[in-house]
């Protein structure tokens, strides 16, 4: 007989927008900014919520344009509410480019 094991499953959302794909950077950035500001406000309401944030290109630009929100973003990261993932400037398509492209990214 197999012993039942109690599992704890985490569902951690994130969004992803290519920096340049069907829209230009500014259009994707505007979408990202709205989402990120909404996320920071939502985290105040739901302290158990967690989120993965990829692509530092958007975070860097967000911090440049919205310096008044840097503290709130850093605090959310420090508290583990937002987890930076990927650690790349952009999140590369790993099914198409060469290994050199992945290293340079």
N, C-alpha and C. Protein backbone atom coordinates (compact mmCIF):
# COMPACT_ATOMS: atom_id res chain seq x y z
N UNK A 1 0.84 -1.17 0.00
CA UNK A 1 0.00 0.00 0.00
C UNK A 1 0.89 1.25 0.00
N UNK A 2 0.56 2.20 -0.84
CA UNK A 2 1.32 3.44 -0.96
C UNK A 2 0.82 4.43 0.08
N UNK A 3 1.79 5.01 0.80
CA UNK A 3 1.44 5.98 1.82
C UNK A 3 1.10 7.32 1.15
N UNK A 4 0.00 7.91 1.55
CA UNK A 4 -0.40 9.21 1.00
C UNK A 4 0.53 10.29 1.52
N UNK A 5 0.93 11.15 0.63
CA UNK A 5 1.81 12.26 0.99
C UNK A 5 1.05 13.56 0.75
N UNK A 6 1.07 14.40 1.75
CA UNK A 6 0.41 15.69 1.61
C UNK A 6 1.36 16.65 0.89
N UNK A 7 0.91 17.19 -0.21
CA UNK A 7 1.72 18.11 -1.01
C UNK A 7 1.27 19.54 -0.79
N UNK A 8 2.20 20.44 -0.91
CA UNK A 8 1.89 21.86 -0.88
C UNK A 8 2.28 22.42 -2.25
N UNK A 9 1.31 22.90 -2.97
CA UNK A 9 1.53 23.36 -4.33
C UNK A 9 1.43 24.89 -4.37
N UNK A 10 2.37 25.51 -5.04
CA UNK A 10 2.38 26.96 -5.19
C UNK A 10 2.09 27.31 -6.64
N UNK A 11 1.19 28.21 -6.85
CA UNK A 11 0.93 28.76 -8.17
C UNK A 11 1.35 30.22 -8.11
N UNK A 12 2.44 30.53 -8.79
CA UNK A 12 3.01 31.88 -8.73
C UNK A 12 2.91 32.50 -10.12
N UNK A 13 2.08 33.52 -10.26
CA UNK A 13 1.88 34.13 -11.58
C UNK A 13 3.02 35.05 -11.99
N UNK A 14 3.07 35.33 -13.26
CA UNK A 14 3.95 36.36 -13.80
C UNK A 14 3.40 36.77 -15.16
N UNK A 15 3.92 37.85 -15.70
CA UNK A 15 3.59 38.22 -17.07
C UNK A 15 4.88 38.30 -17.85
N UNK A 16 4.77 38.21 -19.15
CA UNK A 16 5.95 38.30 -20.00
C UNK A 16 5.58 39.04 -21.27
N UNK A 17 6.33 40.07 -21.58
CA UNK A 17 6.17 40.80 -22.83
C UNK A 17 7.55 40.89 -23.47
N UNK A 18 7.67 40.41 -24.69
CA UNK A 18 8.93 40.57 -25.41
C UNK A 18 9.20 42.06 -25.57
N UNK A 19 10.45 42.45 -25.42
CA UNK A 19 10.80 43.87 -25.52
C UNK A 19 10.50 44.42 -26.92
N UNK A 20 10.67 43.62 -27.92
CA UNK A 20 10.36 44.00 -29.30
C UNK A 20 9.82 42.77 -30.01
N UNK A 21 8.55 42.74 -30.23
CA UNK A 21 7.98 41.62 -30.97
C UNK A 21 6.90 42.17 -31.88
N UNK A 22 5.66 42.19 -31.45
CA UNK A 22 4.60 42.75 -32.28
C UNK A 22 4.38 44.24 -32.02
N UNK A 23 4.81 44.71 -30.87
CA UNK A 23 4.73 46.12 -30.52
C UNK A 23 6.15 46.65 -30.30
N UNK A 24 6.29 47.96 -30.23
CA UNK A 24 7.62 48.49 -29.93
C UNK A 24 7.83 48.52 -28.41
N UNK A 25 9.04 48.84 -28.00
CA UNK A 25 9.38 48.81 -26.58
C UNK A 25 8.45 49.70 -25.76
N UNK A 26 8.21 50.91 -26.24
CA UNK A 26 7.39 51.87 -25.49
C UNK A 26 5.98 51.34 -25.26
N UNK A 27 5.40 50.70 -26.26
CA UNK A 27 4.04 50.15 -26.12
C UNK A 27 4.02 49.01 -25.09
N UNK A 28 5.00 48.12 -25.17
CA UNK A 28 5.07 47.04 -24.17
C UNK A 28 5.38 47.61 -22.78
N UNK A 29 6.23 48.63 -22.72
CA UNK A 29 6.56 49.22 -21.43
C UNK A 29 5.32 49.84 -20.79
N UNK A 30 4.50 50.51 -21.58
CA UNK A 30 3.27 51.11 -21.04
C UNK A 30 2.35 50.06 -20.44
N UNK A 31 2.25 48.91 -21.08
CA UNK A 31 1.45 47.80 -20.54
C UNK A 31 2.08 47.31 -19.23
N UNK A 32 3.39 47.14 -19.26
CA UNK A 32 4.11 46.65 -18.08
C UNK A 32 3.97 47.60 -16.90
N UNK A 33 4.08 48.89 -17.16
CA UNK A 33 3.97 49.89 -16.09
C UNK A 33 2.60 49.81 -15.42
N UNK A 34 1.55 49.74 -16.22
CA UNK A 34 0.20 49.64 -15.63
C UNK A 34 0.09 48.39 -14.78
N UNK A 35 0.61 47.28 -15.29
CA UNK A 35 0.56 46.03 -14.54
C UNK A 35 1.37 46.11 -13.25
N UNK A 36 2.55 46.69 -13.32
CA UNK A 36 3.43 46.75 -12.16
C UNK A 36 2.87 47.68 -11.07
N UNK A 37 2.32 48.80 -11.47
CA UNK A 37 1.70 49.70 -10.49
C UNK A 37 0.49 49.02 -9.85
N UNK A 38 -0.33 48.36 -10.66
CA UNK A 38 -1.47 47.60 -10.11
C UNK A 38 -1.00 46.52 -9.15
N UNK A 39 0.08 45.82 -9.52
CA UNK A 39 0.62 44.77 -8.67
C UNK A 39 1.07 45.33 -7.32
N UNK A 40 1.80 46.43 -7.33
CA UNK A 40 2.28 47.02 -6.08
C UNK A 40 1.12 47.43 -5.18
N UNK A 41 0.06 47.94 -5.77
CA UNK A 41 -1.14 48.31 -4.98
C UNK A 41 -1.84 47.05 -4.47
N UNK A 42 -1.92 46.02 -5.30
CA UNK A 42 -2.59 44.77 -4.92
C UNK A 42 -1.87 44.08 -3.77
N UNK A 43 -0.55 44.16 -3.76
CA UNK A 43 0.22 43.51 -2.69
C UNK A 43 -0.09 44.11 -1.32
N UNK A 44 -0.51 45.37 -1.30
CA UNK A 44 -0.94 45.97 -0.03
C UNK A 44 -2.23 45.35 0.47
N UNK A 45 -3.07 44.90 -0.45
CA UNK A 45 -4.37 44.31 -0.10
C UNK A 45 -4.27 42.81 0.18
N UNK A 46 -3.36 42.14 -0.50
CA UNK A 46 -3.22 40.68 -0.40
C UNK A 46 -1.78 40.31 -0.05
N UNK A 47 -1.41 40.36 1.23
CA UNK A 47 -0.01 40.12 1.62
C UNK A 47 0.47 38.69 1.40
N UNK A 48 -0.43 37.76 1.11
CA UNK A 48 -0.02 36.37 0.84
C UNK A 48 0.25 36.14 -0.65
N UNK A 49 -0.07 37.10 -1.48
CA UNK A 49 0.12 36.99 -2.92
C UNK A 49 1.61 37.05 -3.25
N UNK A 50 2.02 36.27 -4.23
CA UNK A 50 3.41 36.26 -4.69
C UNK A 50 3.43 36.43 -6.20
N UNK A 51 4.54 36.95 -6.71
CA UNK A 51 4.62 37.23 -8.14
C UNK A 51 6.06 37.09 -8.60
N UNK A 52 6.26 36.50 -9.78
CA UNK A 52 7.58 36.42 -10.41
C UNK A 52 7.69 37.54 -11.44
N UNK A 53 8.79 38.25 -11.39
CA UNK A 53 9.01 39.37 -12.30
C UNK A 53 10.27 39.09 -13.12
N UNK A 54 10.10 39.00 -14.44
CA UNK A 54 11.25 38.72 -15.30
C UNK A 54 11.64 39.97 -16.10
N UNK A 55 12.72 39.90 -16.77
CA UNK A 55 13.23 40.91 -17.69
C UNK A 55 13.57 42.23 -17.02
N UNK A 56 14.80 42.36 -16.67
CA UNK A 56 15.25 43.57 -15.97
C UNK A 56 15.16 44.82 -16.83
N UNK A 57 15.03 44.68 -18.14
CA UNK A 57 14.90 45.85 -19.01
C UNK A 57 13.71 46.71 -18.59
N UNK A 58 12.60 46.06 -18.23
CA UNK A 58 11.41 46.81 -17.82
C UNK A 58 11.56 47.37 -16.41
N UNK A 59 12.18 46.61 -15.53
CA UNK A 59 12.38 47.07 -14.15
C UNK A 59 13.31 48.28 -14.14
N UNK A 60 14.38 48.22 -14.91
CA UNK A 60 15.32 49.33 -14.99
C UNK A 60 14.63 50.61 -15.49
N UNK A 61 13.85 50.47 -16.53
CA UNK A 61 13.15 51.64 -17.09
C UNK A 61 12.07 52.15 -16.14
N UNK A 62 11.38 51.23 -15.47
CA UNK A 62 10.38 51.60 -14.47
C UNK A 62 11.02 52.44 -13.37
N UNK A 63 12.16 52.01 -12.88
CA UNK A 63 12.84 52.73 -11.80
C UNK A 63 13.35 54.10 -12.28
N UNK A 64 13.74 54.19 -13.53
CA UNK A 64 14.21 55.46 -14.07
C UNK A 64 13.06 56.46 -14.18
N UNK A 65 11.89 55.98 -14.61
CA UNK A 65 10.76 56.88 -14.85
C UNK A 65 9.89 57.11 -13.61
N UNK A 66 9.92 56.19 -12.67
CA UNK A 66 9.08 56.29 -11.48
C UNK A 66 9.92 56.15 -10.21
N UNK A 67 10.85 57.06 -9.99
CA UNK A 67 11.72 56.94 -8.81
C UNK A 67 10.95 56.95 -7.49
N UNK A 68 9.77 57.54 -7.48
CA UNK A 68 8.97 57.57 -6.26
C UNK A 68 8.44 56.20 -5.86
N UNK A 69 8.48 55.22 -6.78
CA UNK A 69 7.99 53.87 -6.49
C UNK A 69 9.11 52.86 -6.25
N UNK A 70 10.36 53.30 -6.34
CA UNK A 70 11.49 52.38 -6.15
C UNK A 70 11.45 51.75 -4.77
N UNK A 71 11.21 52.53 -3.75
CA UNK A 71 11.16 52.00 -2.38
C UNK A 71 10.10 50.94 -2.21
N UNK A 72 8.94 51.17 -2.80
CA UNK A 72 7.84 50.20 -2.70
C UNK A 72 8.20 48.90 -3.42
N UNK A 73 8.83 49.01 -4.58
CA UNK A 73 9.25 47.83 -5.33
C UNK A 73 10.33 47.07 -4.57
N UNK A 74 11.32 47.77 -4.06
CA UNK A 74 12.40 47.11 -3.30
C UNK A 74 11.85 46.43 -2.05
N UNK A 75 10.92 47.07 -1.38
CA UNK A 75 10.34 46.48 -0.17
C UNK A 75 9.57 45.21 -0.50
N UNK A 76 8.84 45.20 -1.61
CA UNK A 76 8.10 44.00 -2.02
C UNK A 76 9.07 42.86 -2.34
N UNK A 77 10.21 43.18 -2.95
CA UNK A 77 11.22 42.17 -3.24
C UNK A 77 11.85 41.67 -1.94
N UNK A 78 12.19 42.59 -1.06
CA UNK A 78 12.81 42.23 0.22
C UNK A 78 11.90 41.31 1.04
N UNK A 79 10.59 41.57 1.01
CA UNK A 79 9.63 40.77 1.77
C UNK A 79 9.28 39.46 1.07
N UNK A 80 9.81 39.23 -0.14
CA UNK A 80 9.55 37.99 -0.86
C UNK A 80 8.22 37.98 -1.57
N UNK A 81 7.58 39.13 -1.72
CA UNK A 81 6.30 39.20 -2.42
C UNK A 81 6.51 39.19 -3.92
N UNK A 82 7.60 39.80 -4.36
CA UNK A 82 7.99 39.78 -5.77
C UNK A 82 9.34 39.10 -5.85
N UNK A 83 9.44 38.12 -6.73
CA UNK A 83 10.68 37.37 -6.91
C UNK A 83 11.23 37.66 -8.31
N UNK A 84 12.36 38.36 -8.41
CA UNK A 84 12.97 38.54 -9.73
C UNK A 84 13.48 37.20 -10.25
N UNK A 85 13.12 36.87 -11.47
CA UNK A 85 13.56 35.62 -12.08
C UNK A 85 14.18 35.92 -13.44
N UNK A 86 14.88 34.98 -13.97
CA UNK A 86 15.50 35.04 -15.30
C UNK A 86 16.85 35.74 -15.24
N UNK A 87 16.97 36.83 -14.51
CA UNK A 87 18.19 37.60 -14.31
C UNK A 87 18.83 38.10 -15.60
N UNK A 88 18.05 38.14 -16.66
CA UNK A 88 18.56 38.68 -17.91
C UNK A 88 17.94 40.03 -18.22
N UNK A 89 18.59 40.75 -19.11
CA UNK A 89 18.04 42.04 -19.53
C UNK A 89 16.68 41.81 -20.19
N UNK A 90 16.61 40.80 -21.03
CA UNK A 90 15.35 40.33 -21.59
C UNK A 90 15.31 38.82 -21.40
N UNK A 91 14.14 38.24 -21.55
CA UNK A 91 14.02 36.79 -21.44
C UNK A 91 14.11 36.23 -22.85
N UNK A 92 15.20 35.55 -23.17
CA UNK A 92 15.41 35.12 -24.55
C UNK A 92 14.55 33.92 -24.94
N UNK A 93 14.29 33.84 -26.24
CA UNK A 93 13.68 32.65 -26.80
C UNK A 93 14.78 31.60 -26.88
N UNK A 94 14.69 30.57 -26.10
CA UNK A 94 15.77 29.58 -26.09
C UNK A 94 15.56 28.49 -27.14
N UNK A 95 14.43 28.51 -27.83
CA UNK A 95 14.19 27.49 -28.84
C UNK A 95 14.65 27.93 -30.23
N UNK A 96 15.04 29.19 -30.40
CA UNK A 96 15.40 29.69 -31.72
C UNK A 96 16.86 30.09 -31.85
N UNK A 97 17.40 30.94 -30.96
CA UNK A 97 18.74 31.49 -31.19
C UNK A 97 19.87 30.52 -30.89
N UNK A 98 21.05 30.99 -31.20
CA UNK A 98 22.25 30.19 -30.95
C UNK A 98 22.69 30.32 -29.50
N UNK A 99 23.60 29.48 -29.09
CA UNK A 99 24.16 29.55 -27.75
C UNK A 99 24.85 30.87 -27.48
N UNK A 100 25.51 31.43 -28.51
CA UNK A 100 26.18 32.72 -28.34
C UNK A 100 25.17 33.81 -27.98
N UNK A 101 24.01 33.79 -28.61
CA UNK A 101 22.97 34.77 -28.30
C UNK A 101 22.55 34.67 -26.84
N UNK A 102 22.38 33.47 -26.35
CA UNK A 102 21.95 33.29 -24.96
C UNK A 102 23.00 33.82 -23.99
N UNK A 103 24.28 33.59 -24.29
CA UNK A 103 25.35 34.08 -23.43
C UNK A 103 25.42 35.60 -23.46
N UNK A 104 25.28 36.18 -24.64
CA UNK A 104 25.37 37.64 -24.77
C UNK A 104 24.19 38.34 -24.11
N UNK A 105 23.05 37.69 -24.03
CA UNK A 105 21.87 38.29 -23.40
C UNK A 105 22.10 38.42 -21.92
